[in-house]
Amino acid sequence: MLTIYGVYRSRASRVYWMAEELGLEFESVRVIQARRLANPLAAEAPINTLSPEFLAINPMGLIPSIKDGDLVMNESLAITLYLARKHGGPLAGQTVEEDGLMTMWSIFAATEVEPQTVKIVYVHDDEKQDTDEGKATISVAVRSLKKAFATLEKHLTTNEYVVGNRFTAVDLNIAEVLRYAQSEQALFDAHPNVSAWIKRCQSRPAYIAMQATRSQEPT
């Protein structure tokens, strides 16, 4: 059985969403972020990203990770592509060209988008969005995102989804990266194709199911 290490309130949400999309049975091993604990190495601390038993799975100490049979994988965007490819169906690439494009756009999400969107979500997580420091961080991140948003906006002018004109693993990957910036409504309003596309992605039953479980987790 597939084992997913992480919590829903983390990048593991992408993997849980994909598992829902594919209808996979899985075991969820709750591994929380060490930064959420006063003393993550204490004997009584719950398993976290600095726990030796988790570092044996992912020496980088980051969630999520998966174990699928003898295969251990880290990096959430790669995991979703792997699960789609393994289990097949419309969420996976149907040709080598589609596989290449899905990889390309996933790397785009990781390198051109997420470094900025994660800054926005951390400001909100730390409840600093109304401080001068928080506002400045968000402003710089939004400005840095405009080129990537414009690129995706243009692509979605003639495509309802990113690859193959159907929902695939790469839509899931990009949507989850962009979710971190959804507090910035003006950014999405300025890119109506992106706004409509992410609403389509987030209206899927598997996403709604993932978010329902996520909402039950402690913050």
Protein backbone atom coordinates (compact mmCIF):
# COMPACT_ATOMS: atom_id res chain seq x y z
CA MET A 1 0.00 0.00 0.00
CA LEU A 2 1.05 3.57 -0.64
CA THR A 3 2.32 5.37 2.47
CA ILE A 4 2.23 9.16 2.57
CA TYR A 5 4.37 10.94 5.17
CA GLY A 6 3.23 14.41 6.11
CA VAL A 7 0.19 16.41 7.15
CA TYR A 8 -2.54 17.98 5.06
CA ARG A 9 -1.45 21.46 6.18
CA SER A 10 1.75 21.23 4.18
CA ARG A 11 2.95 20.54 0.65
CA ALA A 12 1.67 17.00 1.27
CA SER A 13 -1.77 18.38 0.37
CA ARG A 14 -0.76 17.91 -3.26
CA VAL A 15 -0.11 14.23 -2.77
CA TYR A 16 -3.30 13.69 -0.80
CA TRP A 17 -5.26 15.46 -3.55
CA MET A 18 -3.68 13.23 -6.19
CA ALA A 19 -4.46 10.12 -4.17
CA GLU A 20 -8.09 11.25 -4.00
CA GLU A 21 -8.17 11.90 -7.75
CA LEU A 22 -6.86 8.39 -8.45
CA GLY A 23 -9.02 6.69 -5.82
CA LEU A 24 -5.96 5.19 -4.13
CA GLU A 25 -5.94 3.50 -0.78
CA PHE A 26 -3.10 4.81 1.34
CA GLU A 27 -1.70 4.94 4.84
CA SER A 28 -1.05 8.41 6.17
CA VAL A 29 1.85 8.74 8.60
CA ARG A 30 1.47 12.04 10.43
CA VAL A 31 4.78 13.91 10.29
CA ILE A 32 4.54 17.54 11.36
CA GLN A 33 6.92 20.39 10.63
CA ALA A 34 9.63 20.71 13.31
CA ARG A 35 9.16 24.49 13.30
CA ARG A 36 5.74 23.97 14.89
CA LEU A 37 7.26 22.41 18.02
CA ALA A 38 9.11 24.10 20.87
CA ASN A 39 11.51 21.16 21.17
CA PRO A 40 11.19 18.80 18.20
CA LEU A 41 13.98 16.54 19.49
CA ALA A 42 12.42 15.99 22.93
CA ALA A 43 11.73 12.35 23.79
CA GLU A 44 8.00 13.02 24.04
CA ALA A 45 7.80 15.04 20.79
CA PRO A 46 5.52 13.65 18.08
CA ILE A 47 7.18 12.45 14.90
CA ASN A 48 8.31 15.49 12.99
CA THR A 49 10.67 16.51 10.21
CA LEU A 50 13.70 16.29 12.53
CA SER A 51 12.81 12.90 14.02
CA PRO A 52 15.42 10.23 13.25
CA GLU A 53 12.75 7.83 12.00
CA PHE A 54 11.60 10.38 9.42
CA LEU A 55 15.12 11.45 8.45
CA ALA A 56 15.68 7.79 7.53
CA ILE A 57 12.94 8.31 4.92
CA ASN A 58 13.96 11.80 3.78
CA PRO A 59 17.40 13.01 4.90
CA MET A 60 16.41 16.54 3.82
CA GLY A 61 13.82 16.61 6.60
CA LEU A 62 11.02 17.90 4.39
CA ILE A 63 7.46 16.70 3.86
CA PRO A 64 5.91 15.07 1.98
CA SER A 65 7.58 11.78 1.23
CA ILE A 66 6.03 8.55 0.05
CA LYS A 67 6.85 4.88 0.18
CA ASP A 68 5.31 2.79 -2.58
CA GLY A 69 6.48 -0.78 -2.28
CA ASP A 70 10.28 -0.53 -2.25
CA LEU A 71 10.28 2.93 -3.80
CA VAL A 72 10.83 5.96 -1.59
CA MET A 73 10.22 9.37 -3.14
CA ASN A 74 10.46 12.96 -1.94
CA GLU A 75 9.53 16.27 -3.64
CA SER A 76 5.79 16.74 -3.89
CA LEU A 77 5.57 17.83 -7.54
CA ALA A 78 7.58 14.80 -8.66
CA ILE A 79 5.45 12.49 -6.51
CA THR A 80 2.21 13.61 -8.13
CA LEU A 81 3.65 13.11 -11.62
CA TYR A 82 4.86 9.64 -10.62
CA LEU A 83 1.50 8.59 -9.18
CA ALA A 84 -0.34 9.80 -12.28
CA ARG A 85 2.09 7.99 -14.56
CA LYS A 86 1.97 4.76 -12.54
CA HIS A 87 -1.80 4.54 -12.34
CA GLY A 88 -2.53 5.92 -15.80
CA GLY A 89 -5.75 7.45 -17.01
CA PRO A 90 -6.42 11.02 -18.09
CA LEU A 91 -4.37 12.61 -15.29
CA ALA A 92 -1.18 11.19 -16.80
CA GLY A 93 0.58 12.16 -20.00
CA GLN A 94 -0.75 10.22 -22.96
CA THR A 95 2.33 10.78 -25.14
CA VAL A 96 6.01 11.45 -24.56
CA GLU A 97 5.33 15.04 -25.64
CA GLU A 98 2.66 15.44 -22.97
CA ASP A 99 5.00 13.93 -20.39
CA GLY A 100 7.65 16.46 -21.38
CA LEU A 101 5.24 19.39 -21.15
CA MET A 102 3.94 18.24 -17.79
CA THR A 103 7.49 18.10 -16.46
CA MET A 104 8.26 21.52 -17.96
CA TRP A 105 5.25 23.22 -16.41
CA SER A 106 5.83 21.53 -13.05
CA ILE A 107 9.39 22.87 -13.00
CA PHE A 108 7.96 26.27 -13.95
CA ALA A 109 5.72 26.05 -10.88
CA ALA A 110 8.62 25.07 -8.64
CA THR A 111 11.14 27.64 -9.87
CA GLU A 112 9.18 30.62 -11.19
CA VAL A 113 6.12 30.62 -8.96
CA GLU A 114 6.48 28.88 -5.62
CA PRO A 115 9.49 30.86 -4.32
CA GLN A 116 7.22 33.92 -4.35
CA THR A 117 3.85 32.41 -3.39
CA VAL A 118 5.35 30.72 -0.35
CA LYS A 119 6.52 34.12 0.91
CA ILE A 120 2.91 35.30 0.80
CA VAL A 121 1.51 32.32 2.68
CA TYR A 122 4.20 32.55 5.36
CA VAL A 123 3.27 36.18 6.01
CA HIS A 124 -0.34 35.09 6.58
CA ASP A 125 0.68 32.06 8.63
CA ASP A 126 2.65 34.37 10.91
CA GLU A 127 -0.29 36.83 11.01
CA LYS A 128 1.90 39.67 9.77
CA GLN A 129 -0.16 40.64 6.73
CA ASP A 130 -1.23 43.92 8.34
CA THR A 131 2.26 44.94 9.44
CA ASP A 132 4.54 47.17 7.39
CA GLU A 133 7.02 44.33 7.05
CA GLY A 134 4.34 41.89 5.93
CA LYS A 135 2.82 44.30 3.43
CA ALA A 136 6.26 44.97 1.94
CA THR A 137 7.01 41.25 1.60
CA ILE A 138 3.68 40.60 -0.11
CA SER A 139 4.09 43.59 -2.43
CA VAL A 140 7.49 42.41 -3.62
CA ALA A 141 6.24 38.85 -4.08
CA VAL A 142 3.21 39.96 -6.08
CA ARG A 143 5.37 42.12 -8.32
CA SER A 144 7.74 39.21 -8.86
CA LEU A 145 4.85 36.93 -9.81
CA LYS A 146 3.45 39.10 -12.59
CA LYS A 147 5.62 37.65 -15.35
CA ALA A 148 4.74 34.07 -14.44
CA PHE A 149 1.05 34.95 -14.17
CA ALA A 150 1.18 36.66 -17.56
CA THR A 151 2.80 33.58 -19.09
CA LEU A 152 0.14 31.26 -17.69
CA GLU A 153 -2.62 33.72 -18.60
CA LYS A 154 -1.54 33.75 -22.25
CA HIS A 155 -1.30 29.97 -22.37
CA LEU A 156 -4.80 29.58 -20.93
CA THR A 157 -6.27 31.91 -23.54
CA THR A 158 -6.59 28.96 -25.91
CA ASN A 159 -6.46 26.10 -23.39
CA GLU A 160 -8.89 25.24 -20.62
CA TYR A 161 -6.14 23.26 -18.90
CA VAL A 162 -2.36 23.37 -19.07
CA VAL A 163 -1.59 20.21 -21.06
CA GLY A 164 -3.83 18.19 -23.37
CA ASN A 165 -6.84 20.45 -22.76
CA ARG A 166 -7.92 18.23 -19.85
CA PHE A 167 -7.22 18.26 -16.12
CA THR A 168 -3.93 16.47 -15.43
CA ALA A 169 -1.33 16.16 -12.68
CA VAL A 170 0.33 19.37 -13.84
CA ASP A 171 -2.85 21.39 -13.28
CA LEU A 172 -2.92 20.00 -9.75
CA ASN A 173 0.74 20.94 -9.26
CA ILE A 174 0.40 24.51 -10.47
CA ALA A 175 -2.94 25.08 -8.74
CA GLU A 176 -1.49 24.00 -5.40
CA VAL A 177 1.49 26.32 -5.82
CA LEU A 178 -0.78 29.23 -6.78
CA ARG A 179 -3.14 28.54 -3.87
CA TYR A 180 -0.57 30.14 -1.58
CA ALA A 181 -1.22 33.48 -3.30
CA GLN A 182 -5.02 33.37 -3.42
CA SER A 183 -5.21 35.90 -0.61
CA GLU A 184 -4.11 38.46 -3.24
CA GLN A 185 -7.40 38.74 -5.10
CA ALA A 186 -6.29 41.66 -7.25
CA LEU A 187 -3.53 39.53 -8.76
CA PHE A 188 -6.05 36.93 -9.88
CA ASP A 189 -8.58 39.53 -11.01
CA ALA A 190 -5.92 40.96 -13.32
CA HIS A 191 -5.53 37.50 -14.91
CA PRO A 192 -9.07 36.25 -15.61
CA ASN A 193 -8.00 33.09 -17.44
CA VAL A 194 -5.85 32.02 -14.51
CA SER A 195 -8.67 32.87 -12.11
CA ALA A 196 -11.23 30.82 -14.05
CA TRP A 197 -8.81 27.91 -14.44
CA ILE A 198 -7.97 27.64 -10.74
CA LYS A 199 -11.68 27.72 -9.90
CA ARG A 200 -12.19 24.77 -12.26
CA CYS A 201 -9.36 22.89 -10.59
CA GLN A 202 -10.60 23.62 -7.08
CA SER A 203 -14.18 22.63 -7.88
CA ARG A 204 -13.14 19.02 -8.42
CA PRO A 205 -14.56 16.55 -5.86
CA ALA A 206 -11.09 15.23 -5.02
CA TYR A 207 -9.85 18.72 -4.14
CA ILE A 208 -12.92 19.39 -2.02
CA ALA A 209 -12.43 16.08 -0.20
CA MET A 210 -8.77 16.88 0.46
CA GLN A 211 -9.63 20.31 1.82
CA ALA A 212 -12.35 18.87 4.05
CA THR A 213 -9.78 16.63 5.73
CA ARG A 214 -7.25 19.46 5.85
CA SER A 215 -9.71 21.72 7.64
CA GLN A 216 -10.02 19.18 10.45
CA GLU A 217 -6.29 19.23 11.20
CA PRO A 218 -5.03 21.43 14.03
CA THR A 219 -3.30 24.61 12.85
